[in-house]
C-alpha atoms as a PDB file:
ATOM      1  CA  MET A   1     160.111 138.862  72.968  1.00  0.00           C
ATOM      2  CA  ILE A   2     157.152 141.222  72.488  1.00  0.00           C
ATOM      3  CA  ALA A   3     153.640 139.800  72.813  1.00  0.00           C
ATOM      4  CA  LYS A   4     150.844 141.345  70.755  1.00  0.00           C
ATOM      5  CA  GLU A   5     148.472 141.364  73.700  1.00  0.00           C
ATOM      6  CA  TRP A   6     150.783 143.419  75.915  1.00  0.00           C
ATOM      7  CA  ASN A   7     149.339 146.522  77.553  1.00  0.00           C
ATOM      8  CA  ALA A   8     151.117 149.782  78.397  1.00  0.00           C
ATOM      9  CA  GLN A   9     152.350 148.522  81.764  1.00  0.00           C
ATOM     10  CA  ASP A  10     153.822 145.410  80.161  1.00  0.00           C
ATOM     11  CA  TYR A  11     155.776 147.559  77.719  1.00  0.00           C
ATOM     12  CA  LEU A  12     156.937 149.807  80.547  1.00  0.00           C
ATOM     13  CA  ASN A  13     158.211 146.859  82.566  1.00  0.00           C
ATOM     14  CA  LYS A  14     160.019 145.426  79.545  1.00  0.00           C
ATOM     15  CA  ALA A  15     161.514 148.828  78.747  1.00  0.00           C
ATOM     16  CA  LYS A  16     162.990 149.065  82.239  1.00  0.00           C
ATOM     17  CA  GLU A  17     164.418 145.582  81.807  1.00  0.00           C
ATOM     18  CA  TYR A  18     166.067 146.587  78.528  1.00  0.00           C
ATOM     19  CA  ALA A  19     167.346 149.824  80.038  1.00  0.00           C
ATOM     20  CA  ALA A  20     168.988 147.892  82.878  1.00  0.00           C
ATOM     21  CA  GLN A  21     170.762 145.812  80.231  1.00  0.00           C
ATOM     22  CA  ASN A  22     171.823 149.002  78.411  1.00  0.00           C
ATOM     23  CA  LYS A  23     169.780 148.012  75.367  1.00  0.00           C
ATOM     24  CA  ILE A  24     168.890 151.600  74.530  1.00  0.00           C
ATOM     25  CA  ASP A  25     167.039 151.148  71.226  1.00  0.00           C
ATOM     26  CA  GLU A  26     164.913 148.298  72.545  1.00  0.00           C
ATOM     27  CA  ALA A  27     164.095 150.213  75.724  1.00  0.00           C
ATOM     28  CA  LEU A  28     163.080 153.323  73.791  1.00  0.00           C
ATOM     29  CA  TYR A  29     160.855 151.258  71.499  1.00  0.00           C
ATOM     30  CA  CYS A  30     159.029 149.820  74.510  1.00  0.00           C
ATOM     31  CA  TYR A  31     158.697 153.214  76.223  1.00  0.00           C
ATOM     32  CA  ASN A  32     157.239 154.636  73.008  1.00  0.00           C
ATOM     33  CA  GLU A  33     154.777 151.760  72.765  1.00  0.00           C
ATOM     34  CA  ALA A  34     153.752 152.175  76.404  1.00  0.00           C
ATOM     35  CA  ILE A  35     153.070 155.884  75.866  1.00  0.00           C
ATOM     36  CA  SER A  36     151.234 155.209  72.617  1.00  0.00           C
ATOM     37  CA  LEU A  37     148.907 152.784  74.410  1.00  0.00           C
ATOM     38  CA  ASN A  38     148.497 155.030  77.456  1.00  0.00           C
ATOM     39  CA  PRO A  39     149.430 158.697  76.902  1.00  0.00           C
ATOM     40  CA  LYS A  40     148.759 159.407  80.599  1.00  0.00           C
ATOM     41  CA  LEU A  41     151.343 156.931  81.864  1.00  0.00           C
ATOM     42  CA  THR A  42     153.692 159.475  83.420  1.00  0.00           C
ATOM     43  CA  GLN A  43     156.087 156.786  84.651  1.00  0.00           C
ATOM     44  CA  ALA A  44     156.878 155.976  81.042  1.00  0.00           C
ATOM     45  CA  TYR A  45     157.573 159.620  80.168  1.00  0.00           C
ATOM     46  CA  GLN A  46     159.891 160.017  83.155  1.00  0.00           C
ATOM     47  CA  ALA A  47     161.745 156.760  82.548  1.00  0.00           C
ATOM     48  CA  ARG A  48     162.123 157.607  78.853  1.00  0.00           C
ATOM     49  CA  ALA A  49     163.365 161.104  79.693  1.00  0.00           C
ATOM     50  CA  GLU A  50     165.964 159.692  82.093  1.00  0.00           C
ATOM     51  CA  LEU A  51     167.202 157.269  79.443  1.00  0.00           C
ATOM     52  CA  LEU A  52     167.349 159.977  76.765  1.00  0.00           C
ATOM     53  CA  LEU A  53     169.217 162.332  79.086  1.00  0.00           C
ATOM     54  CA  LYS A  54     171.735 159.617  79.919  1.00  0.00           C
ATOM     55  CA  ASP A  55     172.130 158.843  76.217  1.00  0.00           C
ATOM     56  CA  GLY A  56     172.678 162.512  75.321  1.00  0.00           C
ATOM     57  CA  VAL A  57     169.454 162.977  73.339  1.00  0.00           C
ATOM     58  CA  TYR A  58     168.823 166.303  75.030  1.00  0.00           C
ATOM     59  CA  LYS A  59     166.141 167.804  72.785  1.00  0.00           C
ATOM     60  CA  THR A  60     163.740 164.875  73.140  1.00  0.00           C
ATOM     61  CA  ALA A  61     164.568 164.443  76.813  1.00  0.00           C
ATOM     62  CA  LEU A  62     163.742 168.100  77.408  1.00  0.00           C
ATOM     63  CA  GLU A  63     160.396 167.705  75.638  1.00  0.00           C
ATOM     64  CA  ASP A  64     159.508 164.887  78.038  1.00  0.00           C
ATOM     65  CA  TYR A  65     160.682 166.801  81.118  1.00  0.00           C
ATOM     66  CA  ASP A  66     158.829 169.950  80.066  1.00  0.00           C
ATOM     67  CA  TYR A  67     155.676 167.897  79.579  1.00  0.00           C
ATOM     68  CA  LEU A  68     156.062 166.276  83.011  1.00  0.00           C
ATOM     69  CA  ALA A  69     156.642 169.671  84.631  1.00  0.00           C
ATOM     70  CA  SER A  70     153.436 170.989  83.033  1.00  0.00           C
ATOM     71  CA  LEU A  71     151.310 168.408  84.851  1.00  0.00           C
ATOM     72  CA  PRO A  72     149.406 169.446  88.014  1.00  0.00           C
ATOM     73  CA  GLY A  73     151.560 168.954  91.094  1.00  0.00           C
ATOM     74  CA  ASN A  74     154.816 168.876  89.107  1.00  0.00           C
ATOM     75  CA  GLU A  75     155.315 172.621  88.737  1.00  0.00           C
ATOM     76  CA  ASP A  76     158.407 172.623  90.978  1.00  0.00           C
ATOM     77  CA  LYS A  77     160.007 169.415  89.731  1.00  0.00           C
ATOM     78  CA  PHE A  78     162.635 168.406  87.174  1.00  0.00           C
ATOM     79  CA  TYR A  79     164.529 171.712  87.398  1.00  0.00           C
ATOM     80  CA  LYS A  80     167.930 170.015  87.433  1.00  0.00           C
ATOM     81  CA  GLU A  81     167.201 167.792  84.443  1.00  0.00           C
ATOM     82  CA  ARG A  82     165.705 170.655  82.441  1.00  0.00           C
ATOM     83  CA  ALA A  83     168.680 172.862  83.302  1.00  0.00           C
ATOM     84  CA  ILE A  84     171.131 170.238  82.040  1.00  0.00           C
ATOM     85  CA  CYS A  85     169.209 169.764  78.780  1.00  0.00           C
ATOM     86  CA  ASN A  86     168.885 173.489  78.167  1.00  0.00           C
ATOM     87  CA  GLU A  87     172.594 174.068  78.764  1.00  0.00           C
ATOM     88  CA  LYS A  88     173.536 171.253  76.392  1.00  0.00           C
ATOM     89  CA  LEU A  89     171.218 172.752  73.785  1.00  0.00           C
ATOM     90  CA  GLY A  90     172.704 176.230  74.261  1.00  0.00           C
ATOM     91  CA  ASN A  91     169.601 177.726  75.885  1.00  0.00           C
ATOM     92  CA  LEU A  92     171.566 179.421  78.672  1.00  0.00           C
ATOM     93  CA  GLU A  93     168.902 181.889  79.758  1.00  0.00           C
ATOM     94  CA  ARG A  94     166.424 179.072  80.289  1.00  0.00           C
ATOM     95  CA  CYS A  95     169.134 176.941  81.898  1.00  0.00           C
ATOM     96  CA  LEU A  96     169.911 179.652  84.450  1.00  0.00           C
ATOM     97  CA  GLU A  97     166.216 180.065  85.196  1.00  0.00           C
ATOM     98  CA  MET A  98     165.957 176.353  85.981  1.00  0.00           C
ATOM     99  CA  TYR A  99     169.066 176.353  88.178  1.00  0.00           C
ATOM    100  CA  THR A 100     167.874 179.474  90.006  1.00  0.00           C
ATOM    101  CA  LYS A 101     164.534 177.853  90.761  1.00  0.00           C
ATOM    102  CA  LEU A 102     166.315 174.697  91.910  1.00  0.00           C
ATOM    103  CA  LEU A 103     168.527 176.813  94.146  1.00  0.00           C
ATOM    104  CA  LEU A 104     165.538 178.549  95.714  1.00  0.00           C
ATOM    105  CA  MET A 105     163.364 175.463  96.068  1.00  0.00           C
ATOM    106  CA  GLU A 106     165.919 172.980  97.367  1.00  0.00           C
ATOM    107  CA  ILE A 107     168.602 175.273  98.846  1.00  0.00           C
ATOM    108  CA  SER A 108     170.948 173.527  96.433  1.00  0.00           C
ATOM    109  CA  PRO A 109     174.708 174.245  96.574  1.00  0.00           C
ATOM    110  CA  GLU A 110     175.053 172.216  93.361  1.00  0.00           C
ATOM    111  CA  ALA A 111     172.702 174.624  91.591  1.00  0.00           C
ATOM    112  CA  TYR A 112     174.690 177.579  92.958  1.00  0.00           C
ATOM    113  CA  TYR A 113     177.972 176.225  91.623  1.00  0.00           C
ATOM    114  CA  ASN A 114     176.449 175.595  88.206  1.00  0.00           C
ATOM    115  CA  ILE A 115     175.052 179.143  88.113  1.00  0.00           C
ATOM    116  CA  TYR A 116     178.446 180.483  89.183  1.00  0.00           C
ATOM    117  CA  ARG A 117     180.223 178.420  86.530  1.00  0.00           C
ATOM    118  CA  ILE A 118     177.931 179.519  83.708  1.00  0.00           C
ATOM    119  CA  VAL A 119     178.030 183.194  84.670  1.00  0.00           C
ATOM    120  CA  GLN A 120     181.825 183.090  84.894  1.00  0.00           C
ATOM    121  CA  GLU A 121     181.935 181.663  81.376  1.00  0.00           C
ATOM    122  CA  HIS A 122     179.183 183.979  80.074  1.00  0.00           C
ATOM    123  CA  PRO A 123     179.172 187.257  82.076  1.00  0.00           C
ATOM    124  CA  GLU A 124     176.456 188.681  79.831  1.00  0.00           C
ATOM    125  CA  PHE A 125     173.982 186.370  81.593  1.00  0.00           C
ATOM    126  CA  ARG A 126     174.724 187.712  85.088  1.00  0.00           C
ATOM    127  CA  MET A 127     171.552 189.822  85.087  1.00  0.00           C
ATOM    128  CA  HIS A 128     169.480 186.663  84.668  1.00  0.00           C
ATOM    129  CA  VAL A 129     170.389 185.448  88.164  1.00  0.00           C
ATOM    130  CA  ASP A 130     170.443 188.744  90.065  1.00  0.00           C
ATOM    131  CA  LEU A 131     167.538 188.302  92.473  1.00  0.00           C
ATOM    132  CA  ASN A 132     167.692 191.959  93.442  1.00  0.00           C
ATOM    133  CA  GLU A 133     166.758 192.765  89.847  1.00  0.00           C
ATOM    134  CA  LEU A 134     164.232 189.960  89.414  1.00  0.00           C
ATOM    135  CA  SER A 135     161.834 191.168  92.107  1.00  0.00           C
ATOM    136  CA  ASP A 136     158.753 189.430  90.704  1.00  0.00           C
ATOM    137  CA  PHE A 137     160.633 186.140  90.524  1.00  0.00           C
ATOM    138  CA  ARG A 138     162.138 186.564  93.979  1.00  0.00           C
ATOM    139  CA  ASP A 139     158.837 187.488  95.613  1.00  0.00           C
ATOM    140  CA  ASN A 140     157.418 184.064  94.761  1.00  0.00           C
ATOM    141  CA  TYR A 141     159.935 182.475  97.140  1.00  0.00           C
ATOM    142  CA  ILE A 142     159.841 184.804 100.165  1.00  0.00           C
ATOM    143  CA  ASP A 143     159.551 182.526 103.166  1.00  0.00           C
ATOM    144  CA  GLU A 144     161.192 182.720 106.586  1.00  0.00           C
ATOM    145  CA  GLN A 145     162.005 179.030 106.895  1.00  0.00           C
ATOM    146  CA  ARG A 146     163.494 178.902 103.408  1.00  0.00           C
ATOM    147  CA  ALA A 147     165.589 181.981 104.196  1.00  0.00           C
ATOM    148  CA  LEU A 148     166.906 180.406 107.406  1.00  0.00           C
ATOM    149  CA  LYS A 149     167.907 177.290 105.497  1.00  0.00           C
ATOM    150  CA  PHE A 150     170.099 179.436 103.263  1.00  0.00           C
ATOM    151  CA  LYS A 151     171.868 180.771 106.341  1.00  0.00           C
ATOM    152  CA  GLU A 152     172.432 177.202 107.565  1.00  0.00           C
ATOM    153  CA  ALA A 153     173.737 176.125 104.146  1.00  0.00           C
ATOM    154  CA  ALA A 154     176.190 179.025 103.802  1.00  0.00           C
ATOM    155  CA  SER A 155     179.701 177.591 103.784  1.00  0.00           C
ATOM    156  CA  GLU A 156     182.177 179.091 106.234  1.00  0.00           C
ATOM    157  CA  ASN A 157     185.023 178.250 103.893  1.00  0.00           C
ATOM    158  CA  ASP A 158     183.690 178.967 100.414  1.00  0.00           C
ATOM    159  CA  LEU A 159     183.366 182.728 100.824  1.00  0.00           C
ATOM    160  CA  ASP A 160     181.768 183.481  97.455  1.00  0.00           C
ATOM    161  CA  GLN A 161     179.099 180.869  98.082  1.00  0.00           C
ATOM    162  CA  LYS A 162     178.602 182.142 101.627  1.00  0.00           C
ATOM    163  CA  SER A 163     178.104 185.673 100.351  1.00  0.00           C
ATOM    164  CA  ALA A 164     175.521 184.504  97.805  1.00  0.00           C
ATOM    165  CA  PHE A 165     173.620 182.380 100.330  1.00  0.00           C
ATOM    166  CA  LEU A 166     173.563 185.197 102.887  1.00  0.00           C
ATOM    167  CA  ASP A 167     172.204 187.474 100.172  1.00  0.00           C
ATOM    168  CA  LEU A 168     169.369 184.989  99.799  1.00  0.00           C
ATOM    169  CA  TYR A 169     168.955 184.851 103.589  1.00  0.00           C
ATOM    170  CA  VAL A 170     168.368 188.618 103.556  1.00  0.00           C
ATOM    171  CA  THR A 171     166.317 188.698 100.361  1.00  0.00           C
ATOM    172  CA  LEU A 172     163.849 185.931 101.181  1.00  0.00           C
ATOM    173  CA  LEU A 173     162.890 187.077 104.679  1.00  0.00           C
ATOM    174  CA  PRO A 174     159.433 188.654 105.019  1.00  0.00           C
ATOM    175  CA  LYS A 175     159.472 192.373 105.843  1.00  0.00           C
ATOM    176  CA  ASP A 176     158.196 191.722 109.366  1.00  0.00           C
ATOM    177  CA  SER A 177     160.648 188.914 110.182  1.00  0.00           C
ATOM    178  CA  LYS A 178     162.371 188.964 113.557  1.00  0.00           C
ATOM    179  CA  TYR A 179     165.527 187.686 111.843  1.00  0.00           C
ATOM    180  CA  LEU A 180     166.196 190.777 109.718  1.00  0.00           C
ATOM    181  CA  TYR A 181     168.651 192.287 112.213  1.00  0.00           C
ATOM    182  CA  ASP A 182     170.676 189.069 112.240  1.00  0.00           C
ATOM    183  CA  ALA A 183     170.468 188.711 108.452  1.00  0.00           C
ATOM    184  CA  TYR A 184     171.862 192.161 107.685  1.00  0.00           C
ATOM    185  CA  LEU A 185     174.515 191.773 110.379  1.00  0.00           C
ATOM    186  CA  CYS A 186     175.664 188.392 109.029  1.00  0.00           C
ATOM    187  CA  LYS A 187     175.804 189.727 105.491  1.00  0.00           C
ATOM    188  CA  ALA A 188     177.848 192.802 106.471  1.00  0.00           C
ATOM    189  CA  GLN A 189     180.323 190.777 108.529  1.00  0.00           C
ATOM    190  CA  ALA A 190     180.784 188.262 105.711  1.00  0.00           C
ATOM    191  CA  GLU A 191     181.591 191.058 103.245  1.00  0.00           C
ATOM    192  CA  ILE A 192     184.134 192.566 105.624  1.00  0.00           C
ATOM    193  CA  PHE A 193     185.817 189.189 106.129  1.00  0.00           C
ATOM    194  CA  ARG A 194     186.058 188.629 102.365  1.00  0.00           C
ATOM    195  CA  TYR A 195     187.456 192.105 101.817  1.00  0.00           C
ATOM    196  CA  ARG A 196     190.056 191.812 104.568  1.00  0.00           C
ATOM    197  CA  LEU A 197     191.148 188.378 103.377  1.00  0.00           C
ATOM    198  CA  CYS A 198     191.866 189.855  99.945  1.00  0.00           C
ATOM    199  CA  PHE A 199     193.290 193.280 100.755  1.00  0.00           C
ATOM    200  CA  ASP A 200     194.430 193.376 104.385  1.00  0.00           C
ATOM    201  CA  LYS A 201     197.882 191.747 104.601  1.00  0.00           C
ATOM    202  CA  ASN A 202     198.046 192.040 108.382  1.00  0.00           C
ATOM    203  CA  PHE A 203     194.691 190.301 108.706  1.00  0.00           C
ATOM    204  CA  ARG A 204     195.875 187.514 106.439  1.00  0.00           C
ATOM    205  CA  GLU A 205     199.036 187.026 108.486  1.00  0.00           C
ATOM    206  CA  GLU A 206     197.061 186.923 111.726  1.00  0.00           C
ATOM    207  CA  LEU A 207     194.676 184.390 110.227  1.00  0.00           C
ATOM    208  CA  LYS A 208     197.499 182.190 108.951  1.00  0.00           C
ATOM    209  CA  GLN A 209     199.159 182.177 112.372  1.00  0.00           C
ATOM    210  CA  LYS A 210     195.896 181.559 114.198  1.00  0.00           C
ATOM    211  CA  GLU A 211     194.943 178.621 111.966  1.00  0.00           C
ATOM    212  CA  ASN A 212     198.520 177.443 111.312  1.00  0.00           C
ATOM    213  CA  LEU A 213     198.179 177.731 107.536  1.00  0.00           C
ATOM    214  CA  THR A 214     200.532 178.615 104.704  1.00  0.00           C
ATOM    215  CA  GLU A 215     199.480 181.195 102.100  1.00  0.00           C
ATOM    216  CA  SER A 216     198.447 178.507  99.611  1.00  0.00           C
ATOM    217  CA  GLU A 217     196.575 176.578 102.308  1.00  0.00           C
ATOM    218  CA  LEU A 218     194.723 179.750 103.284  1.00  0.00           C
ATOM    219  CA  ASN A 219     193.646 180.359  99.690  1.00  0.00           C
ATOM    220  CA  LYS A 220     192.616 176.742  99.276  1.00  0.00           C
ATOM    221  CA  LYS A 221     190.622 176.715 102.500  1.00  0.00           C
ATOM    222  CA  TYR A 222     188.538 179.835 101.943  1.00  0.00           C
ATOM    223  CA  ARG A 223     188.053 179.588  98.157  1.00  0.00           C
ATOM    224  CA  TYR A 224     187.201 183.079  96.980  1.00  0.00           C
ATOM    225  CA  ASN A 225     187.562 185.143  93.834  1.00  0.00           C
ATOM    226  CA  SER A 226     189.322 188.458  94.515  1.00  0.00           C
ATOM    227  CA  LYS A 227     188.173 189.767  91.131  1.00  0.00           C
ATOM    228  CA  ASN A 228     184.699 190.077  92.609  1.00  0.00           C
ATOM    229  CA  LEU A 229     185.899 192.386  95.403  1.00  0.00           C
ATOM    230  CA  SER A 230     186.801 196.039  95.824  1.00  0.00           C
ATOM    231  CA  GLU A 231     186.254 198.896  98.273  1.00  0.00           C
ATOM    232  CA  LEU A 232     182.664 198.875  97.068  1.00  0.00           C
ATOM    233  CA  ASN A 233     182.237 195.790  99.256  1.00  0.00           C
ATOM    234  CA  LEU A 234     182.974 197.955 102.282  1.00  0.00           C
ATOM    235  CA  ILE A 235     180.349 200.462 101.191  1.00  0.00           C
ATOM    236  CA  TYR A 236     177.969 197.559 100.742  1.00  0.00           C
ATOM    237  CA  ALA A 237     178.778 196.346 104.263  1.00  0.00           C
ATOM    238  CA  ILE A 238     178.053 199.809 105.677  1.00  0.00           C
ATOM    239  CA  GLN A 239     174.706 199.763 103.902  1.00  0.00           C
ATOM    240  CA  LYS A 240     173.886 196.412 105.510  1.00  0.00           C
ATOM    241  CA  PHE A 241     174.872 197.685 108.970  1.00  0.00           C
ATOM    242  CA  ASN A 242     172.617 200.682 108.411  1.00  0.00           C
ATOM    243  CA  GLU A 243     169.795 198.345 107.419  1.00  0.00           C
ATOM    244  CA  ALA A 244     170.415 196.303 110.554  1.00  0.00           C
ATOM    245  CA  THR A 245     170.031 199.464 112.638  1.00  0.00           C
ATOM    246  CA  ARG A 246     166.428 199.701 111.478  1.00  0.00           C
ATOM    247  CA  TYR A 247     165.728 196.368 113.159  1.00  0.00           C
ATOM    248  CA  ALA A 248     167.842 196.825 116.301  1.00  0.00           C
ATOM    249  CA  THR A 249     165.887 196.199 119.508  1.00  0.00           C
ATOM    250  CA  SER A 250     168.234 197.817 122.020  1.00  0.00           C
ATOM    251  CA  LEU A 251     170.647 200.710 122.410  1.00  0.00           C
ATOM    252  CA  ASP A 252     173.491 198.229 122.820  1.00  0.00           C
ATOM    253  CA  GLU A 253     172.781 196.817 119.362  1.00  0.00           C
ATOM    254  CA  VAL A 254     172.737 200.311 117.864  1.00  0.00           C
ATOM    255  CA  ASN A 255     176.042 201.210 119.532  1.00  0.00           C
ATOM    256  CA  PHE A 256     177.592 197.944 118.362  1.00  0.00           C
ATOM    257  CA  LEU A 257     176.621 198.686 114.761  1.00  0.00           C
ATOM    258  CA  ASP A 258     177.978 202.245 114.985  1.00  0.00           C
ATOM    259  CA  ASN A 259     181.325 200.875 116.149  1.00  0.00           C
ATOM    260  CA  GLU A 260     181.372 198.355 113.319  1.00  0.00           C
ATOM    261  CA  VAL A 261     180.820 201.123 110.782  1.00  0.00           C
ATOM    262  CA  LYS A 262     183.699 203.116 112.293  1.00  0.00           C
ATOM    263  CA  LYS A 263     185.940 200.065 111.898  1.00  0.00           C
ATOM    264  CA  ILE A 264     185.007 199.808 108.227  1.00  0.00           C
ATOM    265  CA  ILE A 265     185.794 203.455 107.623  1.00  0.00           C
ATOM    266  CA  SER A 266     189.231 202.940 109.176  1.00  0.00           C
ATOM    267  CA  LEU A 267     189.837 199.996 106.823  1.00  0.00           C
ATOM    268  CA  ALA A 268     189.123 202.171 103.806  1.00  0.00           C
ATOM    269  CA  ASP A 269     191.441 204.990 104.937  1.00  0.00           C
END
């Protein structure tokens, strides 16, 4: 029952009650009334957006989420919800932008997998998530602690995800960071491991024996896409070792890197 003297908060409370009972139309009516009475009641916009998203009304839900994100203090919020709405509406460029921001802000593996999925399905959008190309976008997120969190979040088993997260570890470090040597070294070693797992049969056999795995178990454990790999990955690894040399702090580190490069060259022969 709706009372004529209800205020915006009353309508909001009733809307939540209806939503809990899955009475969608009644809940939306009350959210609309609450917003009409108090256009600044952000709780009502967010609750309505959540209900619309759940109900598959993506266009209107996106309008609410975009409005909420435009408010002071909300600039870095609602990326996931806006990404979902944009994908459902076919706005893939905007969707990828939202997922990329979510990835950078929250170090989100879920965002990574959604980016990976969309780019696999629509390769023409790959350039929209290449942080090496989007320098202005990337520069907004350079931060040592954020970069280190990407290293921590890099999966040892999902090698494609690990490669992407280590890229972000390298990319988001400030130019004067003490971690640059480690970042380039980690990235190079990860690329070599991926390459050898795909193309070095002896390495695969050694790994299977060491970890007591069958071929299918090995593939299942490390989860990688061989289509993304070639000898160019070895060249890339050499480049990263060379970058690491710039940040080496001892002769031992320099000699170690030189030996690693020699090993790579022998792999390519």
